[in-house]
Amino acid sequence: MLLPIRDIAPYLSPIFHNFTLHSIIQMSQLTLPFSLDKRLRVQHLALEEIIGAVPEEQLHLDLRPGKWTAFENAAHLAAFHHVYKKRIERMMKEDAPVFEPYIWEEDKRFAEFKDMRKDILLEQYVQDRQDLIALVDTLSGTDLQRTGIHGVYGQFSIAHWLEMFVLHEARHLYIIFQLAHTKHKQPLL
């Protein structure tokens, strides 16, 4: 039996007082959008498909002076799981935390990962993704609506942060694909 909202309102957090019981039930059942959920779970598998057969020397070629190599892009993707996992954990503990911009030069994991062998990096990448997915799988619909503030783009829900994560990853995967299959220096689109 569902109780009228007026009967349970005193027991709810003040932020819920303006919602109906129906909207509270709906909010608790929210999940990630279908395509985001699928991309989060499988998009990372493309990295091994893209670079698995490419000689490691090719991945380290400096084809765009002043820009990352294919391998450095892959190391960044692997290191970035940790960044996003920490951001989600912080959003679960704090109300609308503000996140400082990511500065790759200060990222010790990135520095460590770019010196790994390809096979070790790929293993680390898959393990870190599994850890991120395990965290996301513990989140309720209400949790997915918690927010954090990006210094440039503003306030986003955890669900939107995850969308930004997979889009960011897709961009780097495309760059890695280009670099892994380029044999000499040339401008890339």
Protein backbone atom coordinates (compact mmCIF):
# COMPACT_ATOMS: atom_id res chain seq x y z
CA MET A 1 0.00 0.00 0.00
CA LEU A 2 1.38 3.41 -0.97
CA LEU A 3 0.98 6.18 1.58
CA PRO A 4 0.01 9.69 0.51
CA ILE A 5 2.98 12.01 0.23
CA ARG A 6 1.60 14.15 3.08
CA ASP A 7 1.98 11.14 5.42
CA ILE A 8 5.63 10.49 4.62
CA ALA A 9 6.78 14.05 3.83
CA PRO A 10 8.03 14.75 7.39
CA TYR A 11 10.43 11.81 7.05
CA LEU A 12 11.89 12.89 3.74
CA SER A 13 14.85 15.13 3.14
CA PRO A 14 13.74 18.75 2.57
CA ILE A 15 14.72 18.56 -1.10
CA PHE A 16 11.95 16.01 -1.66
CA HIS A 17 9.13 18.05 -0.10
CA ASN A 18 8.13 19.54 -3.45
CA PHE A 19 7.90 16.17 -5.21
CA THR A 20 4.96 13.82 -5.37
CA LEU A 21 5.38 10.24 -4.25
CA HIS A 22 5.04 9.16 -7.88
CA SER A 23 7.93 11.41 -8.94
CA ILE A 24 10.06 10.08 -6.06
CA ILE A 25 9.40 6.49 -7.13
CA GLN A 26 10.18 7.37 -10.76
CA MET A 27 13.41 9.11 -9.77
CA SER A 28 14.60 6.10 -7.76
CA GLN A 29 14.10 3.85 -10.80
CA LEU A 30 16.07 5.95 -13.28
CA THR A 31 18.86 4.21 -15.09
CA LEU A 32 21.44 5.26 -17.62
CA PRO A 33 20.13 5.80 -21.14
CA PHE A 34 20.44 2.61 -23.19
CA SER A 35 23.16 3.80 -25.57
CA LEU A 36 25.25 5.32 -22.76
CA ASP A 37 25.04 2.11 -20.75
CA LYS A 38 26.15 0.04 -23.75
CA ARG A 39 28.99 2.40 -24.71
CA LEU A 40 30.23 2.47 -21.11
CA ARG A 41 30.29 -1.33 -21.04
CA VAL A 42 31.87 -2.08 -24.45
CA GLN A 43 33.39 0.99 -26.13
CA HIS A 44 36.72 0.50 -24.35
CA LEU A 45 37.14 -2.88 -26.07
CA ALA A 46 37.84 -0.97 -29.28
CA LEU A 47 41.26 0.08 -27.99
CA GLU A 48 42.70 -3.43 -28.19
CA GLU A 49 41.04 -3.93 -31.57
CA ILE A 50 42.66 -0.71 -32.82
CA ILE A 51 46.19 -1.13 -31.44
CA GLY A 52 46.47 -4.85 -30.65
CA ALA A 53 48.19 -5.81 -33.91
CA VAL A 54 50.03 -2.51 -34.39
CA PRO A 55 53.75 -2.71 -33.58
CA GLU A 56 54.55 -0.86 -30.39
CA GLU A 57 57.16 1.26 -32.20
CA GLN A 58 54.41 2.60 -34.50
CA LEU A 59 52.32 3.60 -31.49
CA HIS A 60 55.22 5.64 -30.11
CA LEU A 61 55.93 7.55 -33.34
CA ASP A 62 55.78 11.31 -32.87
CA LEU A 63 53.60 12.04 -35.90
CA ARG A 64 52.23 15.35 -34.66
CA PRO A 65 54.95 17.38 -32.94
CA GLY A 66 53.67 18.88 -29.72
CA LYS A 67 50.76 16.40 -29.56
CA TRP A 68 50.46 13.00 -27.95
CA THR A 69 51.46 9.82 -29.74
CA ALA A 70 48.93 7.02 -30.20
CA PHE A 71 50.38 5.31 -27.14
CA GLU A 72 50.20 8.46 -25.02
CA ASN A 73 46.55 8.88 -26.01
CA ALA A 74 45.93 5.28 -24.90
CA ALA A 75 47.77 5.90 -21.62
CA HIS A 76 45.62 8.98 -21.06
CA LEU A 77 42.45 6.94 -21.57
CA ALA A 78 43.64 4.34 -19.07
CA ALA A 79 44.59 6.99 -16.51
CA PHE A 80 41.33 8.87 -16.97
CA HIS A 81 39.23 6.03 -15.50
CA HIS A 82 40.71 6.84 -12.11
CA VAL A 83 39.90 10.55 -12.52
CA TYR A 84 36.25 9.88 -13.30
CA LYS A 85 35.87 7.22 -10.61
CA LYS A 86 37.17 9.69 -8.01
CA ARG A 87 34.82 12.38 -9.32
CA ILE A 88 31.80 10.09 -9.05
CA GLU A 89 32.81 9.03 -5.54
CA ARG A 90 33.13 12.69 -4.57
CA MET A 91 29.70 13.53 -6.04
CA MET A 92 28.25 10.75 -3.90
CA LYS A 93 29.76 12.27 -0.75
CA GLU A 94 29.38 16.00 -1.42
CA ASP A 95 26.63 18.19 -2.83
CA ALA A 96 27.64 19.63 -6.21
CA PRO A 97 31.43 19.62 -5.77
CA VAL A 98 33.45 21.79 -8.13
CA PHE A 99 36.11 19.93 -10.10
CA GLU A 100 39.35 21.54 -11.07
CA PRO A 101 40.41 21.04 -14.68
CA TYR A 102 42.34 17.87 -15.43
CA ILE A 103 46.02 18.71 -15.90
CA TRP A 104 47.77 15.80 -17.55
CA GLU A 105 51.22 17.13 -16.65
CA GLU A 106 50.31 16.61 -12.98
CA ASP A 107 48.77 13.15 -13.42
CA LYS A 108 51.16 10.60 -11.92
CA ARG A 109 49.12 7.70 -13.28
CA PHE A 110 49.44 9.08 -16.82
CA ALA A 111 53.21 9.40 -16.36
CA GLU A 112 53.34 5.79 -15.13
CA PHE A 113 51.00 4.42 -17.81
CA LYS A 114 52.78 5.98 -20.77
CA ASP A 115 55.91 4.04 -19.80
CA MET A 116 54.13 0.66 -19.68
CA ARG A 117 54.33 -2.04 -22.31
CA LYS A 118 51.28 -2.16 -24.57
CA ASP A 119 49.97 -5.47 -23.21
CA ILE A 120 50.22 -4.28 -19.61
CA LEU A 121 48.52 -0.98 -20.46
CA LEU A 122 45.65 -2.80 -22.18
CA GLU A 123 45.19 -5.06 -19.14
CA GLN A 124 45.19 -2.04 -16.83
CA TYR A 125 42.69 -0.23 -19.08
CA VAL A 126 40.25 -3.15 -19.01
CA GLN A 127 40.63 -3.63 -15.24
CA ASP A 128 40.07 0.06 -14.52
CA ARG A 129 37.00 0.07 -16.76
CA GLN A 130 35.61 -2.94 -14.91
CA ASP A 131 36.16 -1.07 -11.64
CA LEU A 132 34.35 2.00 -13.00
CA ILE A 133 31.43 -0.13 -14.25
CA ALA A 134 31.24 -1.88 -10.86
CA LEU A 135 30.93 1.52 -9.18
CA VAL A 136 28.27 2.69 -11.64
CA ASP A 137 26.33 -0.53 -11.11
CA THR A 138 25.98 0.33 -7.40
CA LEU A 139 24.30 3.66 -8.17
CA SER A 140 20.56 4.11 -7.89
CA GLY A 141 18.52 6.36 -10.13
CA THR A 142 18.63 9.00 -7.43
CA ASP A 143 22.42 8.66 -7.23
CA LEU A 144 22.71 9.17 -11.00
CA GLN A 145 21.02 12.54 -10.56
CA ARG A 146 23.61 13.82 -8.06
CA THR A 147 25.71 16.57 -9.56
CA GLY A 148 29.18 17.97 -9.83
CA ILE A 149 30.34 21.22 -11.38
CA HIS A 150 32.72 21.24 -14.33
CA GLY A 151 34.81 24.40 -14.48
CA VAL A 152 33.97 25.07 -18.13
CA TYR A 153 30.67 23.31 -18.87
CA GLY A 154 28.80 23.85 -15.61
CA GLN A 155 26.72 21.53 -13.46
CA PHE A 156 26.09 17.96 -14.62
CA SER A 157 24.44 14.90 -13.14
CA ILE A 158 26.55 11.77 -12.71
CA ALA A 159 24.72 10.37 -15.75
CA HIS A 160 25.86 13.37 -17.80
CA TRP A 161 29.42 13.08 -16.45
CA LEU A 162 29.43 9.48 -17.70
CA GLU A 163 28.19 10.66 -21.11
CA MET A 164 31.04 13.17 -21.20
CA PHE A 165 33.45 10.37 -20.23
CA VAL A 166 32.46 8.05 -23.09
CA LEU A 167 32.39 10.89 -25.63
CA HIS A 168 35.85 11.99 -24.50
CA GLU A 169 37.02 8.40 -24.81
CA ALA A 170 35.52 8.07 -28.30
CA ARG A 171 37.39 11.17 -29.46
CA HIS A 172 40.70 9.73 -28.24
CA LEU A 173 39.95 6.33 -29.76
CA TYR A 174 39.46 8.05 -33.13
CA ILE A 175 42.78 9.88 -32.76
CA ILE A 176 44.50 6.63 -31.77
CA PHE A 177 43.02 4.92 -34.82
CA GLN A 178 44.36 7.69 -37.08
CA LEU A 179 47.83 7.67 -35.53
CA ALA A 180 48.11 3.89 -35.42
CA HIS A 181 47.53 3.74 -39.16
CA THR A 182 49.64 6.72 -40.23
CA LYS A 183 53.13 5.86 -41.45
CA HIS A 184 54.55 9.37 -41.78
CA LYS A 185 53.95 12.88 -40.49
CA GLN A 186 50.90 14.49 -41.99
CA PRO A 187 48.05 16.67 -40.78
CA LEU A 188 45.21 14.75 -39.17
CA LEU A 189 41.57 15.78 -39.23
